[in-house]
């Protein structure tokens, strides 16, 4: 049976691809503003932008390496306290889905 030209084959695969693309973008510190635009941050957090979100944190982040060095458990606690998400993975997943929807124009 044809999948109608859908190269992913299933909704689950599409969601996995969205998460992978968002995670890939998030690896580049400059891209975090793309993955987490102000509209996303204002809807889901108490910050106006991702930059403001990070500036209010205990971590000074000016590079990808500094962001990657943040202890995961501590950052998850910060995300849970300041957003509508339980941890950074959930936040990144939602942001990735919204980013992909913007890319697809839906």
PDB file of N, CA and C in Angstrom:
ATOM      1  N   UNK A   1       0.840  -1.181   0.000  1.00  0.00           N
ATOM      2  CA  UNK A   1       0.000   0.000   0.000  1.00  0.00           C
ATOM      3  C   UNK A   1       0.877   1.233   0.000  1.00  0.00           C
ATOM      4  N   UNK A   2       0.551   2.216  -0.805  1.00  0.00           N
ATOM      5  CA  UNK A   2       1.332   3.437  -0.913  1.00  0.00           C
ATOM      6  C   UNK A   2       1.114   4.312   0.304  1.00  0.00           C
ATOM      7  N   UNK A   3       2.159   5.023   0.691  1.00  0.00           N
ATOM      8  CA  UNK A   3       2.022   5.934   1.822  1.00  0.00           C
ATOM      9  C   UNK A   3       1.707   7.344   1.355  1.00  0.00           C
ATOM     10  N   UNK A   4       1.275   7.493   0.128  1.00  0.00           N
ATOM     11  CA  UNK A   4       0.864   8.792  -0.391  1.00  0.00           C
ATOM     12  C   UNK A   4       2.013   9.760  -0.573  1.00  0.00           C
ATOM     13  N   UNK A   5       3.216   9.221  -0.760  1.00  0.00           N
ATOM     14  CA  UNK A   5       4.368  10.087  -0.941  1.00  0.00           C
ATOM     15  C   UNK A   5       4.988  10.555   0.363  1.00  0.00           C
ATOM     16  N   UNK A   6       4.456  10.112   1.470  1.00  0.00           N
ATOM     17  CA  UNK A   6       4.999  10.497   2.771  1.00  0.00           C
ATOM     18  C   UNK A   6       6.270   9.703   3.013  1.00  0.00           C
ATOM     19  N   UNK A   7       7.404  10.357   2.979  1.00  0.00           N
ATOM     20  CA  UNK A   7       8.668   9.656   3.127  1.00  0.00           C
ATOM     21  C   UNK A   7       8.876   9.129   4.542  1.00  0.00           C
ATOM     22  N   UNK A   8       8.105   9.587   5.503  1.00  0.00           N
ATOM     23  CA  UNK A   8       8.278   9.151   6.884  1.00  0.00           C
ATOM     24  C   UNK A   8       7.480   7.904   7.203  1.00  0.00           C
ATOM     25  N   UNK A   9       6.330   7.740   6.574  1.00  0.00           N
ATOM     26  CA  UNK A   9       5.550   6.538   6.760  1.00  0.00           C
ATOM     27  C   UNK A   9       4.617   6.523   7.948  1.00  0.00           C
ATOM     28  N   UNK A  10       4.898   7.291   8.991  1.00  0.00           N
ATOM     29  CA  UNK A  10       4.011   7.301  10.151  1.00  0.00           C
ATOM     30  C   UNK A  10       4.145   8.613  10.912  1.00  0.00           C
ATOM     31  N   UNK A  11       3.122   8.919  11.672  1.00  0.00           N
ATOM     32  CA  UNK A  11       3.140  10.139  12.482  1.00  0.00           C
ATOM     33  C   UNK A  11       4.281  10.079  13.489  1.00  0.00           C
ATOM     34  N   UNK A  12       4.499   8.928  14.072  1.00  0.00           N
ATOM     35  CA  UNK A  12       5.568   8.762  15.048  1.00  0.00           C
ATOM     36  C   UNK A  12       6.929   9.109  14.440  1.00  0.00           C
ATOM     37  N   UNK A  13       7.155   8.656  13.231  1.00  0.00           N
ATOM     38  CA  UNK A  13       8.416   8.953  12.558  1.00  0.00           C
ATOM     39  C   UNK A  13       8.556  10.451  12.287  1.00  0.00           C
ATOM     40  N   UNK A  14       7.457  11.113  11.952  1.00  0.00           N
ATOM     41  CA  UNK A  14       7.495  12.554  11.720  1.00  0.00           C
ATOM     42  C   UNK A  14       7.860  13.273  13.003  1.00  0.00           C
ATOM     43  N   UNK A  15       7.234  12.893  14.105  1.00  0.00           N
ATOM     44  CA  UNK A  15       7.533  13.524  15.394  1.00  0.00           C
ATOM     45  C   UNK A  15       8.990  13.283  15.766  1.00  0.00           C
ATOM     46  N   UNK A  16       9.478  12.076  15.570  1.00  0.00           N
ATOM     47  CA  UNK A  16      10.887  11.785  15.848  1.00  0.00           C
ATOM     48  C   UNK A  16      11.805  12.661  15.009  1.00  0.00           C
ATOM     49  N   UNK A  17      11.461  12.840  13.748  1.00  0.00           N
ATOM     50  CA  UNK A  17      12.259  13.686  12.863  1.00  0.00           C
ATOM     51  C   UNK A  17      12.231  15.137  13.331  1.00  0.00           C
ATOM     52  N   UNK A  18      11.082  15.618  13.754  1.00  0.00           N
ATOM     53  CA  UNK A  18      10.967  16.989  14.260  1.00  0.00           C
ATOM     54  C   UNK A  18      11.862  17.187  15.477  1.00  0.00           C
ATOM     55  N   UNK A  19      11.814  16.238  16.387  1.00  0.00           N
ATOM     56  CA  UNK A  19      12.647  16.331  17.589  1.00  0.00           C
ATOM     57  C   UNK A  19      14.124  16.321  17.225  1.00  0.00           C
ATOM     58  N   UNK A  20      14.501  15.472  16.294  1.00  0.00           N
ATOM     59  CA  UNK A  20      15.904  15.393  15.882  1.00  0.00           C
ATOM     60  C   UNK A  20      16.358  16.700  15.243  1.00  0.00           C
ATOM     61  N   UNK A  21      15.509  17.283  14.403  1.00  0.00           N
ATOM     62  CA  UNK A  21      15.883  18.546  13.765  1.00  0.00           C
ATOM     63  C   UNK A  21      15.982  19.674  14.776  1.00  0.00           C
ATOM     64  N   UNK A  22      15.060  19.721  15.728  1.00  0.00           N
ATOM     65  CA  UNK A  22      15.103  20.757  16.761  1.00  0.00           C
ATOM     66  C   UNK A  22      16.344  20.587  17.630  1.00  0.00           C
ATOM     67  N   UNK A  23      16.655  19.345  17.989  1.00  0.00           N
ATOM     68  CA  UNK A  23      17.844  19.094  18.797  1.00  0.00           C
ATOM     69  C   UNK A  23      19.096  19.493  18.038  1.00  0.00           C
ATOM     70  N   UNK A  24      19.127  19.215  16.752  1.00  0.00           N
ATOM     71  CA  UNK A  24      20.261  19.595  15.922  1.00  0.00           C
ATOM     72  C   UNK A  24      20.420  21.108  15.891  1.00  0.00           C
ATOM     73  N   UNK A  25      19.325  21.812  15.728  1.00  0.00           N
ATOM     74  CA  UNK A  25      19.384  23.270  15.742  1.00  0.00           C
ATOM     75  C   UNK A  25      19.830  23.781  17.099  1.00  0.00           C
ATOM     76  N   UNK A  26      19.351  23.157  18.156  1.00  0.00           N
ATOM     77  CA  UNK A  26      19.675  23.610  19.504  1.00  0.00           C
ATOM     78  C   UNK A  26      21.149  23.414  19.842  1.00  0.00           C
ATOM     79  N   UNK A  27      21.840  22.566  19.106  1.00  0.00           N
ATOM     80  CA  UNK A  27      23.257  22.378  19.343  1.00  0.00           C
ATOM     81  C   UNK A  27      24.048  23.638  19.019  1.00  0.00           C
ATOM     82  N   UNK A  28      23.505  24.468  18.185  1.00  0.00           N
ATOM     83  CA  UNK A  28      24.151  25.727  17.839  1.00  0.00           C
ATOM     84  C   UNK A  28      23.483  26.808  18.679  1.00  0.00           C
ATOM     85  N   UNK A  29      24.245  27.421  19.587  1.00  0.00           N
ATOM     86  CA  UNK A  29      23.690  28.421  20.490  1.00  0.00           C
ATOM     87  C   UNK A  29      22.926  29.513  19.777  1.00  0.00           C
ATOM     88  N   UNK A  30      23.389  29.959  18.612  1.00  0.00           N
ATOM     89  CA  UNK A  30      22.704  31.004  17.859  1.00  0.00           C
ATOM     90  C   UNK A  30      21.338  30.541  17.387  1.00  0.00           C
ATOM     91  N   UNK A  31      21.176  29.260  17.190  1.00  0.00           N
ATOM     92  CA  UNK A  31      19.919  28.736  16.667  1.00  0.00           C
ATOM     93  C   UNK A  31      18.848  28.614  17.743  1.00  0.00           C
ATOM     94  N   UNK A  32      19.208  28.737  19.013  1.00  0.00           N
ATOM     95  CA  UNK A  32      18.212  28.593  20.061  1.00  0.00           C
ATOM     96  C   UNK A  32      17.130  29.661  19.945  1.00  0.00           C
ATOM     97  N   UNK A  33      17.491  30.840  19.504  1.00  0.00           N
ATOM     98  CA  UNK A  33      16.495  31.879  19.282  1.00  0.00           C
ATOM     99  C   UNK A  33      15.554  31.535  18.140  1.00  0.00           C
ATOM    100  N   UNK A  34      16.009  30.705  17.211  1.00  0.00           N
ATOM    101  CA  UNK A  34      15.167  30.251  16.102  1.00  0.00           C
ATOM    102  C   UNK A  34      14.216  29.165  16.591  1.00  0.00           C
ATOM    103  N   UNK A  35      14.730  28.232  17.372  1.00  0.00           N
ATOM    104  CA  UNK A  35      13.923  27.140  17.889  1.00  0.00           C
ATOM    105  C   UNK A  35      12.954  27.659  18.953  1.00  0.00           C
ATOM    106  N   UNK A  36      13.407  28.633  19.743  1.00  0.00           N
ATOM    107  CA  UNK A  36      12.597  29.212  20.820  1.00  0.00           C
ATOM    108  C   UNK A  36      12.351  30.693  20.534  1.00  0.00           C
ATOM    109  N   UNK A  37      11.534  31.013  19.529  1.00  0.00           N
ATOM    110  CA  UNK A  37      11.292  32.430  19.219  1.00  0.00           C
ATOM    111  C   UNK A  37      10.525  33.106  20.359  1.00  0.00           C
ATOM    112  N   UNK A  38      10.547  34.437  20.403  1.00  0.00           N
ATOM    113  CA  UNK A  38       9.825  35.142  21.470  1.00  0.00           C
ATOM    114  C   UNK A  38       8.367  34.711  21.610  1.00  0.00           C
ATOM    115  N   UNK A  39       7.688  34.436  20.508  1.00  0.00           N
ATOM    116  CA  UNK A  39       6.284  34.019  20.599  1.00  0.00           C
ATOM    117  C   UNK A  39       6.142  32.720  21.403  1.00  0.00           C
ATOM    118  N   UNK A  40       7.044  31.771  21.194  1.00  0.00           N
ATOM    119  CA  UNK A  40       7.031  30.515  21.951  1.00  0.00           C
ATOM    120  C   UNK A  40       7.317  30.790  23.427  1.00  0.00           C
ATOM    121  N   UNK A  41       8.351  31.574  23.684  1.00  0.00           N
ATOM    122  CA  UNK A  41       8.748  31.853  25.061  1.00  0.00           C
ATOM    123  C   UNK A  41       7.644  32.577  25.817  1.00  0.00           C
ATOM    124  N   UNK A  42       6.969  33.522  25.184  1.00  0.00           N
ATOM    125  CA  UNK A  42       5.906  34.270  25.843  1.00  0.00           C
ATOM    126  C   UNK A  42       4.698  33.388  26.137  1.00  0.00           C
ATOM    127  N   UNK A  43       4.426  32.402  25.286  1.00  0.00           N
ATOM    128  CA  UNK A  43       3.309  31.487  25.506  1.00  0.00           C
ATOM    129  C   UNK A  43       3.594  30.454  26.585  1.00  0.00           C
ATOM    130  N   UNK A  44       4.825  29.989  26.672  1.00  0.00           N
ATOM    131  CA  UNK A  44       5.134  28.836  27.519  1.00  0.00           C
ATOM    132  C   UNK A  44       6.025  29.117  28.722  1.00  0.00           C
ATOM    133  N   UNK A  45       6.547  30.331  28.838  1.00  0.00           N
ATOM    134  CA  UNK A  45       7.459  30.635  29.945  1.00  0.00           C
ATOM    135  C   UNK A  45       7.099  31.990  30.543  1.00  0.00           C
ATOM    136  N   UNK A  46       7.862  32.377  31.565  1.00  0.00           N
ATOM    137  CA  UNK A  46       7.667  33.700  32.153  1.00  0.00           C
ATOM    138  C   UNK A  46       8.711  34.695  31.622  1.00  0.00           C
ATOM    139  N   UNK A  47       9.324  34.364  30.495  1.00  0.00           N
ATOM    140  CA  UNK A  47      10.349  35.217  29.887  1.00  0.00           C
ATOM    141  C   UNK A  47       9.888  35.701  28.517  1.00  0.00           C
ATOM    142  N   UNK A  48      10.403  36.834  28.115  1.00  0.00           N
ATOM    143  CA  UNK A  48      10.070  37.412  26.809  1.00  0.00           C
ATOM    144  C   UNK A  48      10.821  36.758  25.656  1.00  0.00           C
ATOM    145  N   UNK A  49      11.994  36.185  25.956  1.00  0.00           N
ATOM    146  CA  UNK A  49      12.830  35.585  24.915  1.00  0.00           C
ATOM    147  C   UNK A  49      13.703  34.504  25.545  1.00  0.00           C
ATOM    148  N   UNK A  50      14.319  33.681  24.695  1.00  0.00           N
ATOM    149  CA  UNK A  50      15.214  32.657  25.232  1.00  0.00           C
ATOM    150  C   UNK A  50      16.420  33.313  25.893  1.00  0.00           C
ATOM    151  N   UNK A  51      16.879  34.410  25.320  1.00  0.00           N
ATOM    152  CA  UNK A  51      18.007  35.133  25.901  1.00  0.00           C
ATOM    153  C   UNK A  51      17.664  35.619  27.302  1.00  0.00           C
ATOM    154  N   UNK A  52      16.467  36.172  27.483  1.00  0.00           N
ATOM    155  CA  UNK A  52      16.031  36.639  28.803  1.00  0.00           C
ATOM    156  C   UNK A  52      15.867  35.466  29.767  1.00  0.00           C
ATOM    157  N   UNK A  53      15.358  34.356  29.259  1.00  0.00           N
ATOM    158  CA  UNK A  53      15.199  33.141  30.059  1.00  0.00           C
ATOM    159  C   UNK A  53      16.547  32.698  30.612  1.00  0.00           C
ATOM    160  N   UNK A  54      17.560  32.692  29.748  1.00  0.00           N
ATOM    161  CA  UNK A  54      18.890  32.276  30.191  1.00  0.00           C
ATOM    162  C   UNK A  54      19.550  33.335  31.072  1.00  0.00           C
ATOM    163  N   UNK A  55      19.328  34.610  30.773  1.00  0.00           N
ATOM    164  CA  UNK A  55      19.924  35.682  31.577  1.00  0.00           C
ATOM    165  C   UNK A  55      19.420  35.646  33.012  1.00  0.00           C
ATOM    166  N   UNK A  56      18.180  35.187  33.205  1.00  0.00           N
ATOM    167  CA  UNK A  56      17.600  35.103  34.545  1.00  0.00           C
ATOM    168  C   UNK A  56      18.054  33.849  35.295  1.00  0.00           C
ATOM    169  N   UNK A  57      18.748  32.965  34.605  1.00  0.00           N
ATOM    170  CA  UNK A  57      19.189  31.717  35.231  1.00  0.00           C
ATOM    171  C   UNK A  57      20.501  31.946  35.984  1.00  0.00           C
ATOM    172  N   UNK A  58      20.939  30.912  36.661  1.00  0.00           N
ATOM    173  CA  UNK A  58      22.206  30.978  37.397  1.00  0.00           C
ATOM    174  C   UNK A  58      23.413  30.746  36.497  1.00  0.00           C
ATOM    175  N   UNK A  59      23.168  30.430  35.219  1.00  0.00           N
ATOM    176  CA  UNK A  59      24.256  30.092  34.315  1.00  0.00           C
ATOM    177  C   UNK A  59      24.552  31.231  33.355  1.00  0.00           C
ATOM    178  N   UNK A  60      25.830  31.461  33.127  1.00  0.00           N
ATOM    179  CA  UNK A  60      26.265  32.424  32.120  1.00  0.00           C
ATOM    180  C   UNK A  60      26.587  31.622  30.862  1.00  0.00           C
ATOM    181  N   UNK A  61      25.810  31.872  29.816  1.00  0.00           N
ATOM    182  CA  UNK A  61      25.958  31.083  28.595  1.00  0.00           C
ATOM    183  C   UNK A  61      26.222  32.011  27.427  1.00  0.00           C
ATOM    184  N   UNK A  62      27.402  31.872  26.843  1.00  0.00           N
ATOM    185  CA  UNK A  62      27.721  32.669  25.659  1.00  0.00           C
ATOM    186  C   UNK A  62      28.238  31.798  24.521  1.00  0.00           C
ATOM    187  N   UNK A  63      28.177  30.485  24.718  1.00  0.00           N
ATOM    188  CA  UNK A  63      28.623  29.574  23.663  1.00  0.00           C
ATOM    189  C   UNK A  63      27.869  28.252  23.771  1.00  0.00           C
ATOM    190  N   UNK A  64      27.947  27.506  22.704  1.00  0.00           N
ATOM    191  CA  UNK A  64      27.330  26.178  22.678  1.00  0.00           C
ATOM    192  C   UNK A  64      27.932  25.292  23.761  1.00  0.00           C
ATOM    193  N   UNK A  65      29.221  25.376  23.945  1.00  0.00           N
ATOM    194  CA  UNK A  65      29.896  24.548  24.949  1.00  0.00           C
ATOM    195  C   UNK A  65      29.414  24.892  26.354  1.00  0.00           C
ATOM    196  N   UNK A  66      29.225  26.170  26.641  1.00  0.00           N
ATOM    197  CA  UNK A  66      28.727  26.567  27.961  1.00  0.00           C
ATOM    198  C   UNK A  66      27.298  26.061  28.174  1.00  0.00           C
ATOM    199  N   UNK A  67      26.474  26.142  27.137  1.00  0.00           N
ATOM    200  CA  UNK A  67      25.104  25.631  27.257  1.00  0.00           C
ATOM    201  C   UNK A  67      25.131  24.125  27.503  1.00  0.00           C
ATOM    202  N   UNK A  68      25.970  23.409  26.775  1.00  0.00           N
ATOM    203  CA  UNK A  68      26.060  21.957  26.913  1.00  0.00           C
ATOM    204  C   UNK A  68      26.605  21.545  28.281  1.00  0.00           C
ATOM    205  N   UNK A  69      27.356  22.435  28.929  1.00  0.00           N
ATOM    206  CA  UNK A  69      27.956  22.118  30.224  1.00  0.00           C
ATOM    207  C   UNK A  69      26.989  22.278  31.398  1.00  0.00           C
ATOM    208  N   UNK A  70      25.818  22.839  31.160  1.00  0.00           N
ATOM    209  CA  UNK A  70      24.841  23.004  32.237  1.00  0.00           C
ATOM    210  C   UNK A  70      24.391  21.614  32.698  1.00  0.00           C
ATOM    211  N   UNK A  71      24.426  21.361  33.996  1.00  0.00           N
ATOM    212  CA  UNK A  71      23.967  20.054  34.491  1.00  0.00           C
ATOM    213  C   UNK A  71      22.495  19.822  34.123  1.00  0.00           C
ATOM    214  N   UNK A  72      22.225  18.684  33.501  1.00  0.00           N
ATOM    215  CA  UNK A  72      20.887  18.409  32.973  1.00  0.00           C
ATOM    216  C   UNK A  72      19.815  18.472  34.061  1.00  0.00           C
ATOM    217  N   UNK A  73      20.057  17.851  35.206  1.00  0.00           N
ATOM    218  CA  UNK A  73      19.047  17.820  36.270  1.00  0.00           C
ATOM    219  C   UNK A  73      18.742  19.223  36.778  1.00  0.00           C
ATOM    220  N   UNK A  74      19.776  20.037  36.949  1.00  0.00           N
ATOM    221  CA  UNK A  74      19.574  21.405  37.425  1.00  0.00           C
ATOM    222  C   UNK A  74      18.816  22.239  36.397  1.00  0.00           C
ATOM    223  N   UNK A  75      19.135  22.058  35.118  1.00  0.00           N
ATOM    224  CA  UNK A  75      18.433  22.810  34.080  1.00  0.00           C
ATOM    225  C   UNK A  75      16.981  22.354  33.975  1.00  0.00           C
ATOM    226  N   UNK A  76      16.747  21.052  34.129  1.00  0.00           N
ATOM    227  CA  UNK A  76      15.374  20.546  34.115  1.00  0.00           C
ATOM    228  C   UNK A  76      14.560  21.170  35.249  1.00  0.00           C
ATOM    229  N   UNK A  77      15.168  21.334  36.422  1.00  0.00           N
ATOM    230  CA  UNK A  77      14.475  21.978  37.546  1.00  0.00           C
ATOM    231  C   UNK A  77      14.147  23.434  37.207  1.00  0.00           C
ATOM    232  N   UNK A  78      15.088  24.128  36.585  1.00  0.00           N
ATOM    233  CA  UNK A  78      14.874  25.521  36.188  1.00  0.00           C
ATOM    234  C   UNK A  78      13.740  25.606  35.168  1.00  0.00           C
ATOM    235  N   UNK A  79      13.753  24.722  34.187  1.00  0.00           N
ATOM    236  CA  UNK A  79      12.695  24.696  33.170  1.00  0.00           C
ATOM    237  C   UNK A  79      11.347  24.418  33.828  1.00  0.00           C
ATOM    238  N   UNK A  80      11.290  23.451  34.729  1.00  0.00           N
ATOM    239  CA  UNK A  80      10.030  23.101  35.392  1.00  0.00           C
ATOM    240  C   UNK A  80       9.488  24.270  36.215  1.00  0.00           C
ATOM    241  N   UNK A  81      10.381  25.043  36.812  1.00  0.00           N
ATOM    242  CA  UNK A  81       9.960  26.164  37.656  1.00  0.00           C
ATOM    243  C   UNK A  81       9.504  27.378  36.851  1.00  0.00           C
ATOM    244  N   UNK A  82      10.006  27.548  35.624  1.00  0.00           N
ATOM    245  CA  UNK A  82       9.768  28.781  34.885  1.00  0.00           C
ATOM    246  C   UNK A  82       8.973  28.606  33.593  1.00  0.00           C
ATOM    247  N   UNK A  83       8.558  27.361  33.310  1.00  0.00           N
ATOM    248  CA  UNK A  83       7.838  27.102  32.059  1.00  0.00           C
ATOM    249  C   UNK A  83       6.638  26.212  32.326  1.00  0.00           C
ATOM    250  N   UNK A  84       5.907  25.916  31.277  1.00  0.00           N
ATOM    251  CA  UNK A  84       4.786  24.984  31.374  1.00  0.00           C
ATOM    252  C   UNK A  84       5.232  23.543  31.114  1.00  0.00           C
ATOM    253  N   UNK A  85       6.536  23.303  31.091  1.00  0.00           N
ATOM    254  CA  UNK A  85       7.086  21.981  30.788  1.00  0.00           C
ATOM    255  C   UNK A  85       7.734  21.365  32.024  1.00  0.00           C
ATOM    256  N   UNK A  86       7.764  20.044  32.054  1.00  0.00           N
ATOM    257  CA  UNK A  86       8.363  19.334  33.191  1.00  0.00           C
ATOM    258  C   UNK A  86       9.883  19.263  33.114  1.00  0.00           C
ATOM    259  N   UNK A  87      10.424  19.385  31.895  1.00  0.00           N
ATOM    260  CA  UNK A  87      11.875  19.343  31.722  1.00  0.00           C
ATOM    261  C   UNK A  87      12.250  19.927  30.360  1.00  0.00           C
ATOM    262  N   UNK A  88      13.559  20.060  30.114  1.00  0.00           N
ATOM    263  CA  UNK A  88      14.018  20.681  28.880  1.00  0.00           C
ATOM    264  C   UNK A  88      13.685  19.832  27.664  1.00  0.00           C
ATOM    265  N   UNK A  89      13.715  18.527  27.803  1.00  0.00           N
ATOM    266  CA  UNK A  89      13.388  17.661  26.655  1.00  0.00           C
ATOM    267  C   UNK A  89      11.964  17.921  26.171  1.00  0.00           C
ATOM    268  N   UNK A  90      11.035  18.056  27.103  1.00  0.00           N
ATOM    269  CA  UNK A  90       9.642  18.337  26.731  1.00  0.00           C
ATOM    270  C   UNK A  90       9.534  19.716  26.072  1.00  0.00           C
ATOM    271  N   UNK A  91      10.248  20.679  26.619  1.00  0.00           N
ATOM    272  CA  UNK A  91      10.239  22.036  26.058  1.00  0.00           C
ATOM    273  C   UNK A  91      10.815  22.030  24.640  1.00  0.00           C
ATOM    274  N   UNK A  92      11.940  21.357  24.470  1.00  0.00           N
ATOM    275  CA  UNK A  92      12.583  21.279  23.164  1.00  0.00           C
ATOM    276  C   UNK A  92      11.705  20.536  22.163  1.00  0.00           C
ATOM    277  N   UNK A  93      11.048  19.480  22.615  1.00  0.00           N
ATOM    278  CA  UNK A  93      10.167  18.730  21.717  1.00  0.00           C
ATOM    279  C   UNK A  93       9.027  19.589  21.192  1.00  0.00           C
ATOM    280  N   UNK A  94       8.385  20.339  22.095  1.00  0.00           N
ATOM    281  CA  UNK A  94       7.285  21.217  21.667  1.00  0.00           C
ATOM    282  C   UNK A  94       7.801  22.318  20.751  1.00  0.00           C
ATOM    283  N   UNK A  95       8.926  22.900  21.102  1.00  0.00           N
ATOM    284  CA  UNK A  95       9.507  23.951  20.265  1.00  0.00           C
ATOM    285  C   UNK A  95       9.865  23.413  18.885  1.00  0.00           C
ATOM    286  N   UNK A  96      10.387  22.193  18.838  1.00  0.00           N
ATOM    287  CA  UNK A  96      10.735  21.577  17.561  1.00  0.00           C
ATOM    288  C   UNK A  96       9.521  21.337  16.683  1.00  0.00           C
ATOM    289  N   UNK A  97       8.439  20.893  17.303  1.00  0.00           N
ATOM    290  CA  UNK A  97       7.215  20.671  16.547  1.00  0.00           C
ATOM    291  C   UNK A  97       6.676  21.991  15.993  1.00  0.00           C
ATOM    292  N   UNK A  98       6.705  23.031  16.822  1.00  0.00           N
ATOM    293  CA  UNK A  98       6.220  24.334  16.360  1.00  0.00           C
ATOM    294  C   UNK A  98       7.140  24.920  15.288  1.00  0.00           C
ATOM    295  N   UNK A  99       8.449  24.708  15.444  1.00  0.00           N
ATOM    296  CA  UNK A  99       9.403  25.194  14.438  1.00  0.00           C
ATOM    297  C   UNK A  99       9.137  24.521  13.100  1.00  0.00           C
ATOM    298  N   UNK A 100       8.933  23.207  13.135  1.00  0.00           N
ATOM    299  CA  UNK A 100       8.695  22.466  11.905  1.00  0.00           C
ATOM    300  C   UNK A 100       7.386  22.923  11.269  1.00  0.00           C
ATOM    301  N   UNK A 101       6.368  23.142  12.067  1.00  0.00           N
ATOM    302  CA  UNK A 101       5.088  23.630  11.528  1.00  0.00           C
ATOM    303  C   UNK A 101       5.288  24.974  10.835  1.00  0.00           C
ATOM    304  N   UNK A 102       6.110  25.839  11.421  1.00  0.00           N
ATOM    305  CA  UNK A 102       6.398  27.136  10.770  1.00  0.00           C
ATOM    306  C   UNK A 102       7.142  26.915   9.453  1.00  0.00           C
ATOM    307  N   UNK A 103       8.057  25.972   9.433  1.00  0.00           N
ATOM    308  CA  UNK A 103       8.813  25.695   8.207  1.00  0.00           C
ATOM    309  C   UNK A 103       7.906  25.157   7.115  1.00  0.00           C
ATOM    310  N   UNK A 104       6.909  24.374   7.504  1.00  0.00           N
ATOM    311  CA  UNK A 104       5.992  23.786   6.545  1.00  0.00           C
ATOM    312  C   UNK A 104       4.823  24.714   6.220  1.00  0.00           C
ATOM    313  N   UNK A 105       4.708  25.819   6.954  1.00  0.00           N
ATOM    314  CA  UNK A 105       3.641  26.772   6.708  1.00  0.00           C
ATOM    315  C   UNK A 105       2.290  26.306   7.192  1.00  0.00           C
ATOM    316  N   UNK A 106       2.271  25.467   8.229  1.00  0.00           N
ATOM    317  CA  UNK A 106       0.992  24.981   8.765  1.00  0.00           C
ATOM    318  C   UNK A 106       0.711  25.581  10.127  1.00  0.00           C
TER     319      UNK A 106
END
